[in-house]
Amino acid sequence: MKNFIRLVATGCLAAAPAAALAGDNVGAVRTAGTGAEIVIAQTVVPEAERKAALGRLTAGAPTKTSGVGGLKKLGTVPLDGEFDSVSGRVLRTREIVFKPGAVVALHRHQGRPGVAYIIEGEMTEYRIGADGRATTAVKKAGETALERTGVVHWWKNASGRIARALVVDIVPAK
């Protein structure tokens, strides 16, 4: 099944011919007046994976995706330069519950790229850039923090309420 993202463009993009905007991920291009609406298809299940599984079809297994109300890309972490090989590594998923006042100590990511998705509440991330300057970002439910080699940061639940995060990262298998 495909879901769609609608982009409304004005100016030079809107003036571009519809054929120039078309591509593998573009479902439709509509122009109206001074704007263009580009509908980008997002696949929930890659078609090649769906077709490959059909040979292992079991009774009652659906062959088409349905009822998906939305698909939102939350971010990506490039893996180039993270490690020489994925051999001996696993993709780990954890749910972490933070009590009010909880702190995750200052740390530097090294060969441990990941994504932290805030499920409930909010967390404050304190990140130190390569230039030594610190930035602060409050991440609320539905928001993400992307972490890759070189990220130096720490977290605090300063909200006075429970916060929960889904943390997915690539780590050495142990």
N, C-alpha and C. Protein backbone atom coordinates (compact mmCIF):
# COMPACT_ATOMS: atom_id res chain seq x y z
N MET A 1 0.84 -1.18 0.00
CA MET A 1 0.00 0.00 0.00
C MET A 1 0.88 1.23 0.00
N LYS A 2 0.41 2.25 -0.66
CA LYS A 2 1.15 3.49 -0.69
C LYS A 2 0.36 4.56 0.06
N ASN A 3 1.08 5.38 0.79
CA ASN A 3 0.52 6.57 1.41
C ASN A 3 1.12 7.74 0.67
N PHE A 4 0.55 8.92 0.85
CA PHE A 4 1.00 10.05 0.08
C PHE A 4 1.33 11.24 0.96
N ILE A 5 2.35 11.96 0.56
CA ILE A 5 2.74 13.21 1.18
C ILE A 5 2.42 14.29 0.15
N ARG A 6 1.76 15.35 0.56
CA ARG A 6 1.44 16.42 -0.36
C ARG A 6 2.36 17.61 -0.09
N LEU A 7 3.02 18.07 -1.13
CA LEU A 7 3.87 19.26 -1.04
C LEU A 7 3.23 20.32 -1.92
N VAL A 8 3.06 21.49 -1.39
CA VAL A 8 2.52 22.58 -2.20
C VAL A 8 3.66 23.55 -2.46
N ALA A 9 3.94 23.77 -3.72
CA ALA A 9 5.08 24.61 -4.10
C ALA A 9 4.61 25.87 -4.81
N THR A 10 5.37 26.92 -4.64
CA THR A 10 5.11 28.16 -5.36
C THR A 10 6.42 28.63 -5.96
N GLY A 11 6.37 29.63 -6.76
CA GLY A 11 7.59 30.19 -7.34
C GLY A 11 8.14 29.33 -8.46
N CYS A 12 9.48 29.17 -8.49
CA CYS A 12 10.12 28.50 -9.62
C CYS A 12 9.75 27.02 -9.71
N LEU A 13 9.54 26.35 -8.57
CA LEU A 13 9.14 24.94 -8.62
C LEU A 13 7.75 24.81 -9.22
N ALA A 14 6.87 25.73 -8.87
CA ALA A 14 5.51 25.68 -9.39
C ALA A 14 5.51 25.89 -10.90
N ALA A 15 6.48 26.63 -11.41
CA ALA A 15 6.54 26.91 -12.84
C ALA A 15 7.15 25.75 -13.62
N ALA A 16 7.75 24.79 -12.92
CA ALA A 16 8.38 23.66 -13.61
C ALA A 16 7.32 22.80 -14.28
N PRO A 17 7.61 22.28 -15.47
CA PRO A 17 6.64 21.43 -16.13
C PRO A 17 6.41 20.17 -15.31
N ALA A 18 5.18 19.68 -15.32
CA ALA A 18 4.81 18.49 -14.54
C ALA A 18 5.71 17.31 -14.90
N ALA A 19 6.08 17.16 -16.15
CA ALA A 19 6.92 16.03 -16.57
C ALA A 19 8.29 16.09 -15.90
N ALA A 20 8.79 17.29 -15.65
CA ALA A 20 10.11 17.44 -15.02
C ALA A 20 10.06 17.03 -13.55
N LEU A 21 8.89 17.09 -12.94
CA LEU A 21 8.76 16.73 -11.53
C LEU A 21 8.47 15.26 -11.33
N ALA A 22 8.06 14.56 -12.36
CA ALA A 22 7.68 13.16 -12.24
C ALA A 22 8.90 12.29 -11.99
N GLY A 23 8.71 11.23 -11.25
CA GLY A 23 9.79 10.29 -10.98
C GLY A 23 9.23 9.04 -10.34
N ASP A 24 10.08 8.12 -9.91
CA ASP A 24 9.63 6.86 -9.35
C ASP A 24 8.76 7.04 -8.12
N ASN A 25 9.05 8.05 -7.30
CA ASN A 25 8.31 8.22 -6.06
C ASN A 25 7.20 9.27 -6.16
N VAL A 26 7.04 9.87 -7.34
CA VAL A 26 6.00 10.88 -7.48
C VAL A 26 4.74 10.21 -8.00
N GLY A 27 3.66 10.30 -7.23
CA GLY A 27 2.40 9.69 -7.62
C GLY A 27 1.63 10.56 -8.59
N ALA A 28 1.67 11.87 -8.42
CA ALA A 28 0.94 12.77 -9.29
C ALA A 28 1.47 14.18 -9.12
N VAL A 29 1.31 14.97 -10.14
CA VAL A 29 1.66 16.38 -10.06
C VAL A 29 0.45 17.13 -10.59
N ARG A 30 -0.07 18.04 -9.77
CA ARG A 30 -1.20 18.85 -10.18
C ARG A 30 -0.77 20.31 -10.13
N THR A 31 -1.11 21.07 -11.14
CA THR A 31 -0.80 22.49 -11.12
C THR A 31 -2.10 23.28 -11.09
N ALA A 32 -2.07 24.38 -10.37
CA ALA A 32 -3.25 25.24 -10.28
C ALA A 32 -2.77 26.66 -10.04
N GLY A 33 -3.04 27.54 -10.95
CA GLY A 33 -2.65 28.93 -10.77
C GLY A 33 -1.16 29.08 -10.61
N THR A 34 -0.73 29.61 -9.45
CA THR A 34 0.69 29.85 -9.21
C THR A 34 1.33 28.77 -8.36
N GLY A 35 0.63 27.68 -8.10
CA GLY A 35 1.19 26.64 -7.24
C GLY A 35 1.15 25.28 -7.90
N ALA A 36 1.92 24.35 -7.36
CA ALA A 36 1.92 22.97 -7.83
C ALA A 36 1.81 22.07 -6.62
N GLU A 37 1.02 21.04 -6.74
CA GLU A 37 0.91 20.07 -5.67
C GLU A 37 1.57 18.80 -6.16
N ILE A 38 2.58 18.35 -5.42
CA ILE A 38 3.33 17.15 -5.79
C ILE A 38 2.95 16.07 -4.78
N VAL A 39 2.45 14.94 -5.25
CA VAL A 39 2.06 13.86 -4.37
C VAL A 39 3.13 12.79 -4.46
N ILE A 40 3.83 12.57 -3.34
CA ILE A 40 4.94 11.62 -3.31
C ILE A 40 4.47 10.34 -2.64
N ALA A 41 4.56 9.23 -3.35
CA ALA A 41 4.12 7.94 -2.81
C ALA A 41 5.15 7.41 -1.83
N GLN A 42 4.69 6.89 -0.71
CA GLN A 42 5.55 6.27 0.29
C GLN A 42 5.05 4.84 0.48
N THR A 43 5.90 3.87 0.30
CA THR A 43 5.49 2.47 0.41
C THR A 43 5.68 1.97 1.82
N VAL A 44 4.64 1.32 2.38
CA VAL A 44 4.72 0.74 3.71
C VAL A 44 5.53 -0.55 3.65
N VAL A 45 5.22 -1.41 2.69
CA VAL A 45 5.94 -2.67 2.50
C VAL A 45 6.52 -2.63 1.09
N PRO A 46 7.84 -2.73 0.96
CA PRO A 46 8.43 -2.74 -0.38
C PRO A 46 7.83 -3.86 -1.24
N GLU A 47 7.50 -3.53 -2.47
CA GLU A 47 6.84 -4.50 -3.36
C GLU A 47 7.67 -5.78 -3.54
N ALA A 48 8.98 -5.66 -3.64
CA ALA A 48 9.83 -6.85 -3.81
C ALA A 48 9.71 -7.78 -2.60
N GLU A 49 9.63 -7.20 -1.39
CA GLU A 49 9.47 -8.02 -0.18
C GLU A 49 8.11 -8.70 -0.15
N ARG A 50 7.08 -7.97 -0.58
CA ARG A 50 5.73 -8.54 -0.60
C ARG A 50 5.67 -9.72 -1.56
N LYS A 51 6.23 -9.53 -2.77
CA LYS A 51 6.22 -10.59 -3.78
C LYS A 51 7.03 -11.80 -3.32
N ALA A 52 8.17 -11.56 -2.68
CA ALA A 52 9.03 -12.66 -2.23
C ALA A 52 8.33 -13.52 -1.19
N ALA A 53 7.46 -12.92 -0.39
CA ALA A 53 6.77 -13.67 0.67
C ALA A 53 5.58 -14.46 0.15
N LEU A 54 5.08 -14.15 -1.03
CA LEU A 54 3.89 -14.84 -1.54
C LEU A 54 4.10 -16.35 -1.68
N GLY A 55 5.33 -16.78 -1.92
CA GLY A 55 5.62 -18.20 -2.01
C GLY A 55 5.49 -18.92 -0.68
N ARG A 56 5.43 -18.19 0.41
CA ARG A 56 5.32 -18.78 1.75
C ARG A 56 3.98 -18.44 2.37
N LEU A 57 3.00 -18.17 1.53
CA LEU A 57 1.68 -17.76 1.98
C LEU A 57 1.04 -18.82 2.87
N THR A 58 0.53 -18.39 4.00
CA THR A 58 -0.19 -19.29 4.90
C THR A 58 -1.64 -18.84 4.98
N ALA A 59 -2.51 -19.74 5.37
CA ALA A 59 -3.94 -19.46 5.43
C ALA A 59 -4.21 -18.22 6.28
N GLY A 60 -4.99 -17.31 5.73
CA GLY A 60 -5.38 -16.12 6.47
C GLY A 60 -4.40 -14.97 6.40
N ALA A 61 -3.22 -15.18 5.83
CA ALA A 61 -2.24 -14.09 5.74
C ALA A 61 -2.67 -13.10 4.67
N PRO A 62 -2.70 -11.81 4.99
CA PRO A 62 -3.12 -10.82 3.98
C PRO A 62 -2.06 -10.65 2.91
N THR A 63 -2.51 -10.39 1.70
CA THR A 63 -1.57 -10.18 0.60
C THR A 63 -1.50 -8.71 0.19
N LYS A 64 -2.35 -7.88 0.80
CA LYS A 64 -2.33 -6.44 0.53
C LYS A 64 -2.42 -5.68 1.84
N THR A 65 -1.72 -4.57 1.92
CA THR A 65 -1.78 -3.70 3.09
C THR A 65 -3.02 -2.84 2.98
N SER A 66 -3.69 -2.62 4.11
CA SER A 66 -4.86 -1.75 4.10
C SER A 66 -5.02 -1.07 5.45
N GLY A 67 -5.77 0.01 5.48
CA GLY A 67 -6.11 0.67 6.73
C GLY A 67 -5.02 1.51 7.36
N VAL A 68 -3.93 1.73 6.65
CA VAL A 68 -2.86 2.54 7.20
C VAL A 68 -3.26 4.00 7.03
N GLY A 69 -3.32 4.73 8.14
CA GLY A 69 -3.78 6.10 8.10
C GLY A 69 -2.70 7.12 7.84
N GLY A 70 -1.46 6.72 7.94
CA GLY A 70 -0.38 7.67 7.69
C GLY A 70 0.97 7.02 7.81
N LEU A 71 1.91 7.57 7.12
CA LEU A 71 3.29 7.11 7.16
C LEU A 71 4.15 8.35 7.24
N LYS A 72 4.91 8.47 8.31
CA LYS A 72 5.70 9.68 8.53
C LYS A 72 7.16 9.28 8.69
N LYS A 73 7.99 9.77 7.81
CA LYS A 73 9.43 9.52 7.92
C LYS A 73 9.95 10.36 9.07
N LEU A 74 10.56 9.72 10.05
CA LEU A 74 11.03 10.42 11.24
C LEU A 74 12.49 10.82 11.15
N GLY A 75 13.23 10.24 10.24
CA GLY A 75 14.63 10.61 10.07
C GLY A 75 15.46 9.42 9.66
N THR A 76 16.66 9.70 9.23
CA THR A 76 17.59 8.65 8.85
C THR A 76 18.97 8.96 9.43
N VAL A 77 19.74 7.92 9.65
CA VAL A 77 21.11 8.07 10.11
C VAL A 77 21.99 7.38 9.07
N PRO A 78 22.79 8.13 8.32
CA PRO A 78 23.68 7.50 7.33
C PRO A 78 24.65 6.55 8.03
N LEU A 79 24.87 5.39 7.45
CA LEU A 79 25.77 4.40 8.06
C LEU A 79 27.18 4.46 7.49
N ASP A 80 27.39 5.27 6.44
CA ASP A 80 28.74 5.42 5.89
C ASP A 80 29.68 5.91 6.98
N GLY A 81 30.80 5.24 7.13
CA GLY A 81 31.81 5.66 8.09
C GLY A 81 31.55 5.22 9.52
N GLU A 82 30.43 4.59 9.78
CA GLU A 82 30.13 4.15 11.14
C GLU A 82 30.96 2.92 11.52
N PHE A 83 31.07 1.95 10.61
CA PHE A 83 31.88 0.76 10.87
C PHE A 83 32.26 0.09 9.56
N ASP A 84 33.32 -0.72 9.61
CA ASP A 84 33.82 -1.39 8.41
C ASP A 84 32.89 -2.51 7.96
N SER A 85 32.26 -3.18 8.92
CA SER A 85 31.40 -4.32 8.61
C SER A 85 30.28 -4.39 9.65
N VAL A 86 29.16 -4.93 9.26
CA VAL A 86 28.07 -5.12 10.23
C VAL A 86 28.16 -6.49 10.90
N SER A 87 29.12 -7.27 10.48
CA SER A 87 29.32 -8.58 11.10
C SER A 87 29.57 -8.40 12.60
N GLY A 88 28.87 -9.16 13.41
CA GLY A 88 29.04 -9.07 14.85
C GLY A 88 28.24 -7.93 15.48
N ARG A 89 27.34 -7.32 14.73
CA ARG A 89 26.51 -6.23 15.25
C ARG A 89 25.05 -6.61 15.14
N VAL A 90 24.23 -5.99 15.97
CA VAL A 90 22.79 -6.24 15.96
C VAL A 90 22.05 -4.91 15.96
N LEU A 91 20.83 -4.95 15.47
CA LEU A 91 19.92 -3.82 15.54
C LEU A 91 19.12 -4.01 16.83
N ARG A 92 19.28 -3.09 17.76
CA ARG A 92 18.67 -3.22 19.09
C ARG A 92 17.53 -2.22 19.23
N THR A 93 16.43 -2.65 19.84
CA THR A 93 15.30 -1.77 20.11
C THR A 93 14.99 -1.84 21.60
N ARG A 94 14.90 -0.65 22.23
CA ARG A 94 14.60 -0.60 23.66
C ARG A 94 13.55 0.47 23.93
N GLU A 95 12.69 0.21 24.90
CA GLU A 95 11.81 1.24 25.42
C GLU A 95 12.39 1.64 26.77
N ILE A 96 12.61 2.93 26.95
CA ILE A 96 13.20 3.43 28.19
C ILE A 96 12.19 4.35 28.85
N VAL A 97 11.94 4.12 30.16
CA VAL A 97 11.03 4.96 30.94
C VAL A 97 11.88 5.86 31.82
N PHE A 98 11.61 7.16 31.75
CA PHE A 98 12.37 8.15 32.52
C PHE A 98 11.45 8.77 33.58
N LYS A 99 11.81 8.62 34.84
CA LYS A 99 11.08 9.26 35.92
C LYS A 99 11.35 10.76 35.88
N PRO A 100 10.48 11.56 36.50
CA PRO A 100 10.77 13.00 36.57
C PRO A 100 12.15 13.22 37.20
N GLY A 101 12.95 14.08 36.59
CA GLY A 101 14.30 14.36 37.08
C GLY A 101 15.36 13.39 36.59
N ALA A 102 14.97 12.34 35.87
CA ALA A 102 15.93 11.35 35.37
C ALA A 102 16.96 12.01 34.46
N VAL A 103 18.18 11.48 34.49
CA VAL A 103 19.28 12.01 33.69
C VAL A 103 19.98 10.85 32.99
N VAL A 104 20.32 11.04 31.72
CA VAL A 104 21.19 10.12 30.99
C VAL A 104 22.52 10.84 30.90
N ALA A 105 23.57 10.26 31.45
CA ALA A 105 24.87 10.92 31.57
C ALA A 105 25.45 11.33 30.22
N LEU A 106 26.31 12.33 30.26
CA LEU A 106 27.04 12.79 29.09
C LEU A 106 27.76 11.61 28.45
N HIS A 107 27.60 11.47 27.13
CA HIS A 107 28.29 10.38 26.42
C HIS A 107 28.54 10.80 24.98
N ARG A 108 29.49 10.09 24.35
CA ARG A 108 29.85 10.34 22.95
C ARG A 108 29.58 9.07 22.15
N HIS A 109 28.81 9.19 21.11
CA HIS A 109 28.52 8.03 20.26
C HIS A 109 29.74 7.69 19.42
N GLN A 110 30.10 6.43 19.43
CA GLN A 110 31.24 5.94 18.66
C GLN A 110 30.84 4.60 18.06
N GLY A 111 30.55 4.58 16.77
CA GLY A 111 30.15 3.34 16.12
C GLY A 111 28.84 2.80 16.69
N ARG A 112 27.96 3.69 17.16
CA ARG A 112 26.66 3.28 17.69
C ARG A 112 25.60 4.27 17.21
N PRO A 113 25.30 4.23 15.90
CA PRO A 113 24.27 5.11 15.39
C PRO A 113 22.90 4.68 15.92
N GLY A 114 22.03 5.66 16.08
CA GLY A 114 20.71 5.32 16.59
C GLY A 114 19.71 6.43 16.42
N VAL A 115 18.49 6.10 16.80
CA VAL A 115 17.37 7.03 16.76
C VAL A 115 16.63 6.91 18.08
N ALA A 116 16.36 8.04 18.72
CA ALA A 116 15.55 8.06 19.93
C ALA A 116 14.23 8.73 19.56
N TYR A 117 13.12 8.02 19.74
CA TYR A 117 11.78 8.51 19.42
C TYR A 117 11.03 8.67 20.73
N ILE A 118 10.57 9.87 21.01
CA ILE A 118 9.85 10.13 22.25
C ILE A 118 8.41 9.67 22.09
N ILE A 119 8.01 8.70 22.91
CA ILE A 119 6.66 8.13 22.86
C ILE A 119 5.69 8.94 23.71
N GLU A 120 6.16 9.34 24.88
CA GLU A 120 5.30 10.00 25.85
C GLU A 120 6.11 11.04 26.61
N GLY A 121 5.49 12.15 26.97
CA GLY A 121 6.17 13.17 27.75
C GLY A 121 7.16 13.94 26.92
N GLU A 122 8.21 14.42 27.57
CA GLU A 122 9.24 15.16 26.87
C GLU A 122 10.58 15.01 27.58
N MET A 123 11.63 15.11 26.80
CA MET A 123 13.00 15.03 27.30
C MET A 123 13.79 16.21 26.74
N THR A 124 14.72 16.72 27.52
CA THR A 124 15.59 17.79 27.05
C THR A 124 16.94 17.19 26.70
N GLU A 125 17.36 17.44 25.46
CA GLU A 125 18.67 16.96 25.00
C GLU A 125 19.64 18.13 25.03
N TYR A 126 20.80 17.91 25.64
CA TYR A 126 21.88 18.88 25.68
C TYR A 126 22.99 18.33 24.80
N ARG A 127 23.21 18.95 23.66
CA ARG A 127 24.17 18.45 22.67
C ARG A 127 25.32 19.42 22.54
N ILE A 128 26.55 18.87 22.48
CA ILE A 128 27.75 19.69 22.33
C ILE A 128 28.28 19.49 20.92
N GLY A 129 28.32 20.57 20.14
CA GLY A 129 28.77 20.50 18.75
C GLY A 129 30.27 20.35 18.63
N ALA A 130 30.72 20.08 17.42
CA ALA A 130 32.15 19.93 17.15
C ALA A 130 32.92 21.21 17.50
N ASP A 131 32.23 22.36 17.45
CA ASP A 131 32.87 23.64 17.77
C ASP A 131 32.88 23.91 19.28
N GLY A 132 32.35 22.97 20.07
CA GLY A 132 32.33 23.12 21.53
C GLY A 132 31.12 23.85 22.07
N ARG A 133 30.28 24.37 21.17
CA ARG A 133 29.08 25.08 21.63
C ARG A 133 27.97 24.10 21.97
N ALA A 134 27.26 24.41 23.03
CA ALA A 134 26.17 23.55 23.48
C ALA A 134 24.84 24.08 22.94
N THR A 135 23.98 23.14 22.58
CA THR A 135 22.61 23.49 22.19
C THR A 135 21.66 22.67 23.05
N THR A 136 20.48 23.18 23.22
CA THR A 136 19.46 22.50 24.00
C THR A 136 18.23 22.36 23.14
N ALA A 137 17.63 21.17 23.17
CA ALA A 137 16.40 20.93 22.42
C ALA A 137 15.45 20.11 23.27
N VAL A 138 14.23 20.59 23.41
CA VAL A 138 13.21 19.82 24.10
C VAL A 138 12.53 18.95 23.06
N LYS A 139 12.60 17.64 23.27
CA LYS A 139 11.98 16.68 22.35
C LYS A 139 10.70 16.19 23.00
N LYS A 140 9.58 16.39 22.30
CA LYS A 140 8.27 16.02 22.81
C LYS A 140 7.77 14.75 22.12
N ALA A 141 6.71 14.18 22.64
CA ALA A 141 6.12 12.97 22.06
C ALA A 141 5.93 13.16 20.56
N GLY A 142 6.40 12.17 19.80
CA GLY A 142 6.31 12.22 18.35
C GLY A 142 7.55 12.78 17.67
N GLU A 143 8.53 13.24 18.44
CA GLU A 143 9.75 13.80 17.86
C GLU A 143 10.92 12.84 18.04
N THR A 144 11.96 13.03 17.24
CA THR A 144 13.12 12.15 17.27
C THR A 144 14.41 12.92 17.47
N ALA A 145 15.41 12.19 17.91
CA ALA A 145 16.79 12.67 17.94
C ALA A 145 17.61 11.64 17.18
N LEU A 146 18.41 12.11 16.24
CA LEU A 146 19.26 11.22 15.44
C LEU A 146 20.66 11.26 16.03
N GLU A 147 21.23 10.08 16.20
CA GLU A 147 22.54 9.96 16.85
C GLU A 147 23.48 9.16 15.96
N ARG A 148 24.67 9.69 15.75
CA ARG A 148 25.68 8.97 14.97
C ARG A 148 27.05 9.22 15.57
N THR A 149 28.06 8.60 15.04
CA THR A 149 29.41 8.77 15.56
C THR A 149 29.76 10.26 15.65
N GLY A 150 30.31 10.63 16.79
CA GLY A 150 30.71 12.01 17.01
C GLY A 150 29.72 12.82 17.81
N VAL A 151 28.47 12.35 17.94
CA VAL A 151 27.48 13.10 18.72
C VAL A 151 27.85 13.00 20.19
N VAL A 152 27.96 14.16 20.83
CA VAL A 152 28.24 14.24 22.26
C VAL A 152 27.02 14.92 22.89
N HIS A 153 26.36 14.20 23.81
CA HIS A 153 25.16 14.77 24.41
C HIS A 153 24.79 14.10 25.72
N TRP A 154 23.79 14.69 26.38
CA TRP A 154 23.19 14.09 27.56
C TRP A 154 21.73 14.51 27.59
N TRP A 155 20.94 13.80 28.40
CA TRP A 155 19.49 13.99 28.44
C TRP A 155 19.01 14.23 29.87
N LYS A 156 17.91 14.98 29.99
CA LYS A 156 17.27 15.16 31.29
C LYS A 156 15.76 15.23 31.11
N ASN A 157 15.04 14.58 32.02
CA ASN A 157 13.59 14.71 32.07
C ASN A 157 13.27 15.81 33.07
N ALA A 158 13.15 17.03 32.59
CA ALA A 158 12.88 18.18 33.45
C ALA A 158 11.39 18.52 33.50
N SER A 159 10.56 17.64 32.96
CA SER A 159 9.14 17.96 32.79
C SER A 159 8.29 17.76 34.03
N GLY A 160 8.75 16.97 34.99
CA GLY A 160 7.93 16.68 36.16
C GLY A 160 6.94 15.55 35.92
N ARG A 161 6.99 14.94 34.73
CA ARG A 161 6.12 13.81 34.39
C ARG A 161 6.97 12.66 33.84
N ILE A 162 6.41 11.48 33.84
CA ILE A 162 7.08 10.32 33.22
C ILE A 162 7.28 10.60 31.73
N ALA A 163 8.40 10.18 31.20
CA ALA A 163 8.66 10.24 29.76
C ALA A 163 9.07 8.84 29.32
N ARG A 164 8.68 8.48 28.11
CA ARG A 164 9.08 7.18 27.54
C ARG A 164 9.66 7.41 26.16
N ALA A 165 10.72 6.66 25.86
CA ALA A 165 11.35 6.78 24.54
C ALA A 165 11.59 5.38 23.97
N LEU A 166 11.45 5.29 22.67
CA LEU A 166 11.82 4.10 21.92
C LEU A 166 13.18 4.41 21.32
N VAL A 167 14.19 3.63 21.69
CA VAL A 167 15.55 3.87 21.22
C VAL A 167 15.99 2.68 20.38
N VAL A 168 16.34 2.95 19.13
CA VAL A 168 16.79 1.91 18.21
C VAL A 168 18.21 2.27 17.82
N ASP A 169 19.14 1.32 18.01
CA ASP A 169 20.52 1.57 17.64
C ASP A 169 21.19 0.31 17.17
N ILE A 170 22.36 0.46 16.58
CA ILE A 170 23.16 -0.67 16.11
C ILE A 170 24.34 -0.81 17.05
N VAL A 171 24.46 -1.99 17.66
CA VAL A 171 25.47 -2.22 18.69
C VAL A 171 26.18 -3.54 18.45
N PRO A 172 27.35 -3.72 19.07
CA PRO A 172 28.01 -5.02 18.98
C PRO A 172 27.14 -6.12 19.62
N ALA A 173 27.10 -7.28 18.99
CA ALA A 173 26.35 -8.42 19.54
C ALA A 173 27.10 -8.92 20.76
N LYS A 174 26.39 -9.22 21.83
CA LYS A 174 27.05 -9.70 23.05
C LYS A 174 26.32 -10.89 23.58
